[in-house]
Protein backbone atom coordinates (compact mmCIF):
# COMPACT_ATOMS: atom_id res chain seq x y z
CA MET A 1 6.12 -11.94 35.13
CA LYS A 2 5.27 -15.00 33.14
CA GLN A 3 1.77 -14.00 33.31
CA TRP A 4 2.90 -10.18 31.91
CA LYS A 5 4.65 -11.73 28.80
CA ARG A 6 1.95 -14.37 27.71
CA PHE A 7 -0.44 -11.19 27.57
CA ALA A 8 2.15 -9.23 25.94
CA CYS A 9 2.91 -12.09 23.19
CA LEU A 10 -0.80 -12.53 22.71
CA PHE A 11 -1.53 -8.97 22.21
CA LEU A 12 1.36 -8.98 19.64
CA ALA A 13 0.07 -11.35 17.66
CA LEU A 14 -3.55 -9.92 17.80
CA VAL A 15 -1.95 -6.34 16.42
CA MET A 16 0.15 -8.26 13.70
CA PHE A 17 -3.11 -10.32 12.86
CA SER A 18 -4.87 -7.19 12.47
CA SER A 19 -2.13 -5.38 10.31
CA PHE A 20 -2.05 -8.69 7.91
CA SER A 21 -5.90 -8.63 7.57
CA LYS A 22 -5.67 -4.89 6.41
CA SER A 23 -2.79 -5.37 3.97
CA ALA A 24 -4.58 -8.44 2.39
CA GLY A 25 -7.63 -5.50 1.49
CA LEU A 26 -5.65 -2.51 1.01
CA VAL A 27 -3.78 -3.74 -2.32
CA TYR A 28 -6.44 -4.74 -4.21
CA ALA A 29 -8.40 -1.44 -3.37
CA GLY A 30 -5.61 0.62 -4.17
CA GLU A 31 -5.58 -0.82 -7.77
CA LEU A 32 -9.11 -0.03 -8.31
CA THR A 33 -8.64 3.75 -7.19
CA ASN A 34 -5.73 4.41 -8.46
CA ALA A 35 -6.46 7.48 -10.77
CA SER A 36 -2.68 6.93 -12.54
CA ILE A 37 -3.33 3.43 -13.30
CA GLN A 38 -6.67 3.58 -14.85
CA LYS A 39 -5.62 6.50 -16.97
CA LYS A 40 -2.66 4.68 -18.07
CA GLU A 41 -5.15 1.65 -18.81
CA GLU A 42 -7.08 4.27 -20.84
CA GLU A 43 -4.28 5.40 -22.51
CA VAL A 44 -3.34 1.38 -23.85
CA LYS A 45 -7.34 0.78 -24.78
CA GLN A 46 -7.19 4.07 -26.81
CA ALA A 47 -3.82 3.01 -28.43
CA LYS A 48 -5.37 -0.56 -29.49
CA GLU A 49 -8.66 1.01 -30.71
CA GLU A 50 -6.44 3.78 -33.05
CA LYS A 51 -4.33 0.91 -34.47
CA LYS A 52 -7.53 -1.05 -35.66
CA THR A 53 -9.09 2.28 -37.03
CA LEU A 54 -6.25 2.64 -39.08
CA GLN A 55 -6.32 -0.66 -40.57
CA ASN A 56 -9.92 -0.81 -41.20
CA ASN A 57 -9.81 2.96 -42.82
CA LEU A 58 -7.35 2.27 -45.80
CA THR A 59 -8.60 3.11 -49.29
CA ASP A 60 -10.09 0.12 -51.38
CA VAL A 61 -8.35 1.24 -54.61
CA LYS A 62 -9.49 -1.81 -56.47
CA ASN A 63 -13.37 -0.97 -55.63
CA LEU A 64 -12.73 2.36 -56.09
CA LYS A 65 -11.19 1.88 -59.81
CA LYS A 66 -14.24 -0.58 -60.51
CA GLN A 67 -16.66 2.38 -59.57
CA LEU A 68 -14.94 4.56 -61.58
CA GLU A 69 -15.11 2.38 -64.89
CA GLU A 70 -18.59 3.42 -65.17
CA SER A 71 -18.00 7.15 -65.79
CA LYS A 72 -15.28 6.12 -68.47
CA ALA A 73 -17.76 7.12 -71.17
CA ASN A 74 -17.30 10.89 -70.40
CA LEU A 75 -13.74 11.86 -69.82
CA SER A 76 -14.62 15.17 -68.00
CA THR A 77 -16.85 13.15 -65.73
CA TYR A 78 -14.37 10.51 -65.29
CA ILE A 79 -11.33 13.05 -64.44
CA THR A 80 -13.63 15.05 -61.93
CA GLU A 81 -14.63 11.84 -60.39
CA LEU A 82 -11.12 10.64 -59.96
CA ASP A 83 -9.91 14.00 -59.02
CA ALA A 84 -12.20 13.62 -56.00
CA SER A 85 -10.98 10.59 -54.95
CA LEU A 86 -7.49 11.59 -55.39
CA ALA A 87 -8.35 14.55 -53.12
CA THR A 88 -9.50 12.10 -50.40
CA ILE A 89 -6.66 9.93 -50.37
CA GLN A 90 -4.53 13.24 -50.26
CA THR A 91 -6.25 14.47 -47.30
CA LYS A 92 -5.71 10.81 -45.83
CA ILE A 93 -1.90 11.20 -46.32
CA ALA A 94 -1.87 14.51 -44.84
CA GLU A 95 -3.76 13.47 -41.64
CA LEU A 96 -1.64 10.23 -41.52
CA LYS A 97 1.97 12.14 -41.31
CA THR A 98 0.18 14.36 -39.01
CA LEU A 99 -0.54 11.69 -36.79
CA ILE A 100 3.22 10.01 -37.33
CA SER A 101 4.72 13.33 -36.05
CA ASP A 102 2.38 13.27 -33.19
CA LYS A 103 3.02 9.74 -32.51
CA GLU A 104 7.03 10.48 -32.51
CA THR A 105 6.76 12.85 -30.02
CA GLU A 106 4.26 11.15 -27.88
CA ILE A 107 6.77 8.09 -27.69
CA ALA A 108 9.50 10.30 -26.97
CA ASN A 109 7.33 11.57 -23.90
CA LYS A 110 6.24 7.98 -22.79
CA GLU A 111 9.98 6.78 -22.88
CA VAL A 112 10.92 9.44 -20.48
CA GLU A 113 7.65 8.85 -18.26
CA LEU A 114 8.82 5.12 -18.53
CA GLU A 115 12.28 5.91 -17.18
CA GLU A 116 11.14 8.02 -14.27
CA ALA A 117 8.33 5.25 -12.92
CA VAL A 118 11.37 2.54 -13.17
CA ALA A 119 13.49 4.88 -11.24
CA VAL A 120 10.89 5.27 -8.71
CA GLN A 121 9.98 1.45 -8.53
CA GLU A 122 13.86 0.62 -8.03
CA THR A 123 14.24 3.12 -5.41
CA GLN A 124 10.89 1.92 -3.75
CA TYR A 125 12.58 -1.80 -3.97
CA GLU A 126 15.64 -0.84 -2.46
CA ALA A 127 13.97 0.38 0.25
CA MET A 128 11.73 -2.41 0.69
CA LYS A 129 14.96 -4.86 0.69
CA SER A 130 16.01 -2.85 3.38
CA ARG A 131 13.30 -3.28 5.34
CA ILE A 132 12.70 -6.72 4.93
CA LYS A 133 16.33 -7.61 5.82
CA PHE A 134 15.84 -5.60 9.03
CA MET A 135 12.60 -7.78 9.87
CA TYR A 136 13.97 -11.02 8.88
CA GLU A 137 17.04 -10.28 11.33
CA LYS A 138 14.99 -8.88 14.20
CA GLY A 139 11.93 -10.81 13.93
CA ASP A 140 9.14 -10.57 16.55
CA THR A 141 11.99 -9.75 19.05
CA PHE A 142 11.94 -6.59 18.14
CA TYR A 143 8.36 -5.72 18.89
CA LEU A 144 8.43 -8.19 22.21
CA GLU A 145 11.57 -5.95 23.19
CA LEU A 146 9.33 -3.05 22.77
CA LEU A 147 6.29 -4.29 24.80
CA PHE A 148 8.46 -6.12 27.84
CA ALA A 149 10.08 -2.68 28.33
CA SER A 150 6.82 -1.31 29.26
CA GLU A 151 6.34 -0.28 32.79
CA SER A 152 2.57 -0.26 32.79
CA PHE A 153 -0.53 -1.51 31.09
CA GLY A 154 -1.09 2.25 29.78
CA ASP A 155 2.70 2.31 28.67
CA MET A 156 2.33 -1.15 26.54
CA LEU A 157 -0.99 0.20 24.89
CA ASN A 158 1.03 3.14 23.52
CA LYS A 159 3.88 1.23 22.43
CA ALA A 160 1.10 -1.40 20.80
CA GLU A 161 0.09 1.80 18.84
CA TYR A 162 3.38 2.59 17.71
CA ILE A 163 3.58 -1.08 16.71
CA GLU A 164 0.68 -0.54 14.51
CA MET A 165 1.92 2.42 12.80
CA LEU A 166 5.09 0.94 11.99
CA SER A 167 3.04 -2.13 10.12
CA ALA A 168 0.56 0.46 8.71
CA TYR A 169 3.58 2.32 7.28
CA ASP A 170 4.95 -1.14 5.98
CA ARG A 171 1.61 -1.53 4.52
CA GLU A 172 1.65 1.65 2.58
CA LYS A 173 4.89 1.05 1.51
CA LEU A 174 3.99 -2.50 0.25
CA ASN A 175 0.64 -1.17 -1.58
CA GLU A 176 2.68 1.89 -3.36
CA TYR A 177 5.40 -0.57 -4.60
CA ALA A 178 2.87 -2.95 -5.86
CA ALA A 179 0.54 0.21 -7.49
CA GLN A 180 4.31 1.28 -9.00
CA THR A 181 5.11 -2.22 -10.30
CA GLU A 182 1.50 -2.71 -12.25
CA TYR A 183 2.16 1.51 -13.37
CA VAL A 184 5.59 0.47 -14.91
CA THR A 185 4.06 -2.47 -16.33
CA LEU A 186 1.23 -0.40 -18.31
CA CYS A 187 3.75 2.34 -18.77
CA LYS A 188 5.57 -0.26 -21.28
CA GLU A 189 2.61 -1.84 -22.29
CA GLY A 190 1.38 1.49 -23.84
CA LEU A 191 4.62 2.25 -25.41
CA GLU A 192 4.71 -0.56 -27.06
CA ALA A 193 0.95 -0.19 -27.93
CA GLU A 194 1.93 3.43 -29.44
CA LYS A 195 5.09 2.26 -31.19
CA ASP A 196 2.23 -0.37 -32.92
CA VAL A 197 0.33 2.69 -34.02
CA LEU A 198 3.33 4.22 -35.68
CA GLU A 199 4.16 1.55 -37.49
CA GLU A 200 0.65 0.80 -38.71
CA ALA A 201 0.57 4.79 -39.73
CA LYS A 202 3.69 4.67 -41.26
CA THR A 203 2.43 1.07 -43.20
CA SER A 204 -1.12 3.17 -44.01
CA VAL A 205 0.83 5.81 -45.64
CA GLU A 206 2.88 3.76 -47.91
CA ALA A 207 -0.40 1.87 -48.93
CA GLU A 208 -2.43 5.22 -49.53
CA GLU A 209 0.60 6.66 -51.62
CA THR A 210 0.43 3.41 -53.82
CA ALA A 211 -3.39 3.65 -53.92
CA MET A 212 -2.91 7.42 -54.93
CA ASN A 213 -0.48 6.20 -57.85
CA GLU A 214 -2.38 3.71 -59.34
CA LEU A 215 -5.39 6.37 -59.83
CA ILE A 216 -3.05 8.61 -61.26
CA ALA A 217 -1.74 6.00 -63.68
CA ALA A 218 -5.06 5.20 -64.54
CA LYS A 219 -6.10 8.65 -65.47
CA GLU A 220 -3.00 9.03 -67.64
CA GLN A 221 -3.91 6.07 -69.69
CA GLU A 222 -7.26 7.04 -69.85
CA ILE A 223 -6.53 10.47 -71.12
CA ASN A 224 -3.80 9.22 -73.60
CA ALA A 225 -6.32 6.43 -74.36
CA VAL A 226 -8.94 9.17 -75.62
CA SER A 227 -6.39 10.96 -77.44
CA ASN A 228 -5.22 8.15 -79.31
CA ASP A 229 -8.49 7.26 -80.33
CA ILE A 230 -9.26 10.25 -82.07
CA LYS A 231 -8.61 9.19 -85.50
CA ASN A 232 -8.10 12.39 -87.50
CA LYS A 233 -5.59 15.54 -86.57
CA GLU A 234 -8.20 18.05 -86.98
CA ALA A 235 -10.59 16.24 -84.58
CA ALA A 236 -7.93 16.12 -81.72
CA ILE A 237 -6.68 19.82 -82.39
CA ALA A 238 -10.07 20.76 -81.84
CA GLU A 239 -10.65 18.66 -78.67
CA TYR A 240 -7.28 20.12 -77.45
CA GLU A 241 -8.59 23.64 -78.17
CA ALA A 242 -12.10 23.06 -76.92
CA TYR A 243 -10.27 22.24 -73.34
CA ILE A 244 -7.99 25.52 -73.53
CA ALA A 245 -11.24 27.30 -74.54
CA GLU A 246 -12.77 26.20 -71.61
CA GLN A 247 -10.15 27.49 -69.16
CA ASN A 248 -10.14 31.13 -70.79
CA GLU A 249 -13.58 31.35 -70.81
CA THR A 250 -13.59 30.42 -67.10
CA ILE A 251 -10.43 32.94 -66.25
CA ALA A 252 -11.97 35.53 -68.23
CA ALA A 253 -15.39 35.35 -66.59
CA LEU A 254 -13.58 35.88 -63.29
CA GLU A 255 -11.94 38.92 -64.70
CA LYS A 256 -14.80 40.20 -66.15
CA ALA A 257 -16.66 40.08 -62.60
CA ILE A 258 -13.39 41.31 -61.18
CA ALA A 259 -13.84 44.54 -63.27
CA GLU A 260 -17.45 45.42 -62.71
CA GLU A 261 -16.70 44.80 -58.93
CA ARG A 262 -14.14 47.57 -59.30
CA LYS A 263 -16.18 50.00 -60.96
CA LYS A 264 -18.91 49.72 -58.39
CA LEU A 265 -15.99 50.69 -55.58
CA ALA A 266 -14.91 53.18 -58.07
CA ALA A 267 -14.41 55.55 -55.06
CA GLU A 268 -12.36 53.08 -53.05
CA GLN A 269 -8.14 52.83 -54.03
CA GLY A 270 -7.75 49.75 -56.14
CA ARG A 271 -4.78 47.39 -55.83
CA LYS A 272 -1.51 48.37 -57.33
CA TYR A 273 1.30 46.20 -58.65
CA ASP A 274 4.62 47.38 -57.62
CA GLY A 275 6.66 46.39 -60.38
CA GLY A 276 8.56 43.87 -57.91
CA VAL A 277 9.71 40.51 -59.14
CA PHE A 278 7.75 37.31 -58.41
CA THR A 279 8.91 34.63 -56.21
CA TRP A 280 9.35 30.87 -57.52
CA PRO A 281 6.13 29.50 -57.16
CA ALA A 282 7.28 25.73 -56.98
CA PRO A 283 10.57 25.86 -54.87
CA SER A 284 10.51 22.10 -55.14
CA TYR A 285 10.47 22.23 -58.66
CA THR A 286 13.19 19.88 -60.49
CA ARG A 287 12.58 20.85 -64.00
CA ILE A 288 10.58 23.04 -66.83
CA SER A 289 8.82 20.24 -68.33
CA ASP A 290 7.01 22.37 -70.92
CA GLU A 291 8.14 26.43 -71.74
CA TYR A 292 5.50 29.46 -72.40
CA GLY A 293 4.84 30.06 -75.66
CA ASN A 294 4.56 28.14 -79.18
CA ARG A 295 5.75 24.55 -79.14
CA ILE A 296 5.12 21.08 -80.59
CA HIS A 297 2.30 19.40 -78.92
CA PRO A 298 3.70 16.58 -77.22
CA ILE A 299 0.82 14.24 -78.10
CA LEU A 300 -0.60 15.91 -81.36
CA LYS A 301 2.54 16.60 -82.52
CA THR A 302 1.66 19.93 -83.86
CA PRO A 303 2.24 23.52 -83.28
CA GLN A 304 -0.02 24.75 -80.38
CA PHE A 305 0.56 27.68 -77.89
CA HIS A 306 1.06 27.02 -74.11
CA ASN A 307 -0.11 29.84 -71.80
CA GLY A 308 2.19 29.26 -68.75
CA LEU A 309 5.02 27.17 -67.36
CA ASP A 310 4.87 23.67 -66.51
CA MET A 311 7.02 23.43 -63.30
CA ALA A 312 7.55 19.28 -62.54
CA ALA A 313 7.64 19.26 -58.85
CA PRO A 314 6.63 16.42 -56.91
CA GLY A 315 3.33 15.75 -55.52
CA GLY A 316 2.27 17.42 -52.62
CA SER A 317 5.19 19.48 -52.60
CA PRO A 318 4.27 23.11 -51.70
CA ILE A 319 2.73 25.92 -54.23
CA LEU A 320 3.62 29.40 -53.13
CA ALA A 321 1.93 32.76 -54.30
CA ALA A 322 4.16 34.25 -56.38
CA TYR A 323 3.34 37.95 -55.04
CA ASP A 324 0.87 40.05 -52.89
CA GLY A 325 -2.61 39.67 -53.46
CA LYS A 326 -6.09 38.69 -53.63
CA VAL A 327 -7.16 35.13 -54.03
CA VAL A 328 -10.08 35.75 -56.60
CA ALA A 329 -10.76 32.09 -57.43
CA ALA A 330 -9.95 28.71 -55.16
CA ALA A 331 -11.77 26.34 -57.29
CA TYR A 332 -12.02 23.21 -59.33
CA SER A 333 -12.61 22.37 -62.85
CA ALA A 334 -12.13 19.47 -65.01
CA THR A 335 -9.46 21.23 -67.23
CA MET A 336 -7.53 23.04 -64.75
CA GLY A 337 -8.18 20.88 -61.67
CA ASN A 338 -7.74 22.33 -58.29
CA TYR A 339 -6.72 25.85 -59.07
CA ILE A 340 -5.95 29.12 -57.75
CA MET A 341 -6.05 32.43 -59.38
CA ILE A 342 -4.56 35.78 -57.56
CA ASP A 343 -5.29 39.45 -58.34
CA HIS A 344 -2.36 41.35 -57.88
CA GLY A 345 -3.77 44.56 -59.33
CA ASP A 346 -3.21 46.70 -62.10
CA GLY A 347 -5.04 43.76 -64.18
CA LEU A 348 -2.31 41.50 -63.54
CA TYR A 349 -3.00 38.13 -62.58
CA THR A 350 -1.24 34.96 -61.38
CA ILE A 351 -2.93 31.22 -62.15
CA TYR A 352 -1.87 28.05 -60.68
CA MET A 353 -3.42 24.79 -61.97
CA HIS A 354 -3.29 21.21 -61.43
CA ALA A 355 -3.24 21.55 -57.32
CA SER A 356 -3.57 18.18 -55.22
CA ALA A 357 -4.92 20.35 -52.59
CA LEU A 358 -5.87 24.09 -51.92
CA TYR A 359 -4.93 26.10 -48.50
CA VAL A 360 -6.46 29.31 -49.17
CA LYS A 361 -10.15 30.27 -49.98
CA ASN A 362 -11.84 32.76 -52.51
CA GLY A 363 -11.44 36.30 -51.04
CA ALA A 364 -8.19 35.60 -49.12
CA GLU A 365 -5.26 38.14 -48.77
CA VAL A 366 -1.83 36.22 -49.42
CA ASN A 367 1.83 37.74 -49.21
CA LYS A 368 4.68 37.02 -51.67
CA GLY A 369 5.67 33.45 -50.90
CA ASP A 370 2.75 32.46 -48.40
CA LYS A 371 2.03 28.39 -49.07
CA ILE A 372 -1.17 28.41 -50.87
CA ALA A 373 -1.52 25.00 -52.46
CA ALA A 374 -0.19 21.73 -52.90
CA VAL A 375 1.57 20.10 -56.27
CA GLY A 376 -0.73 17.40 -57.98
CA THR A 377 -2.12 16.32 -61.19
CA THR A 378 -5.51 16.97 -61.15
CA GLY A 379 -7.67 18.27 -64.44
CA ARG A 380 -6.38 17.61 -67.17
CA SER A 381 -2.80 16.29 -66.24
CA THR A 382 -1.00 13.17 -66.73
CA GLY A 383 1.56 13.87 -63.97
CA ASN A 384 2.60 15.91 -60.82
CA HIS A 385 3.41 19.35 -61.63
CA LEU A 386 2.40 23.13 -61.57
CA HIS A 387 1.18 24.88 -64.33
CA PHE A 388 1.86 28.33 -63.79
CA SER A 389 0.27 31.21 -65.91
CA VAL A 390 0.48 35.03 -65.90
CA ARG A 391 -2.49 37.15 -67.32
CA LEU A 392 -2.14 40.92 -68.08
CA ASN A 393 -5.07 43.16 -69.00
CA GLY A 394 -6.97 39.80 -70.12
CA ASN A 395 -3.99 38.20 -72.47
CA TYR A 396 -1.75 35.84 -71.15
CA VAL A 397 1.97 37.02 -71.14
CA SER A 398 5.46 35.03 -70.10
CA PRO A 399 5.96 34.20 -66.78
CA TRP A 400 9.49 35.00 -67.05
CA ASN A 401 8.90 38.76 -67.45
CA TYR A 402 7.89 38.66 -63.95
CA LEU A 403 10.21 35.87 -62.38
CA ARG A 404 13.50 37.62 -63.71
CA SER A 405 14.56 40.93 -62.80
């Protein structure tokens, strides 16, 4: 009997040693092959790289203003180049705001993911505590009792296999807990990394908006300086009328091209304006900064004709199509800046000037109230606003005729 017990104890020791050896190798192997953990590690790495990219991609407004100095000799060239820079910055701001929205959603999802991972970890921890307590209280006597109760050598081998299965189960649970703990740590790290990206994106938006405002102020200063440098009023008036004439020439050329196209398509029914009331094209407007019609020019201090309504809306706020129609121009000029012209039929057109961004292309069909552009200060403009004009049969008419029923 003593020999049987010695043999059982020796056999149990071999089984436990084998379990310990396998356990030591399995935890490390699991870390390398766990796809979820590897995915989390990659997410953390990407977030850190994303933050670094945001830091490196900020507009260098000082260098940009230095480059623009070279083109100040020609105001039109200067305005065109500066507006191109404003467009780039505006695009960056739009992308950053989209990123901020996306990151806020991702962070909310990752917070839920972390809560779920911690809940699993806590459940595993409680289960392991119970198992460890049981093993501490029973010690090896539990396994010895199993072996000593064997009726034969074959029975002992079967029970030894059962003991090995219990040990393997313990190893598996230990490995799962270790992997879950690492996963929770990575979830926390990933969440913090995404929050860092969010904060960096918000900081970048502020920096880009500051850069944009600096450029707008520089353009305003340059336009006013050029106007003030004109020594006699006749030259000033001539300069102003020249750029208005340039606008009119561009628009008239577009109208002529459309008229010629309609002649070629005479068999086709032309677009008809049904007489409906226009929607307000700048829903975020704060005031009418310049009315339609004859008024005293704010800089020249002489009577001049203003061919539209200036709606002083915030930069980046939406510009809407006043009525159904077809976009016949979505382009840029040094005087109108980014502008859109829409054909509503029966010789009626609307024109939207100085936009910071255009959202439709030439040839697009638009409906009343569609977002077509964003308010800006491109072209011969010294502040964010929408210049809204209406033309009928080749002449400017009061927009109020169509904005009021």
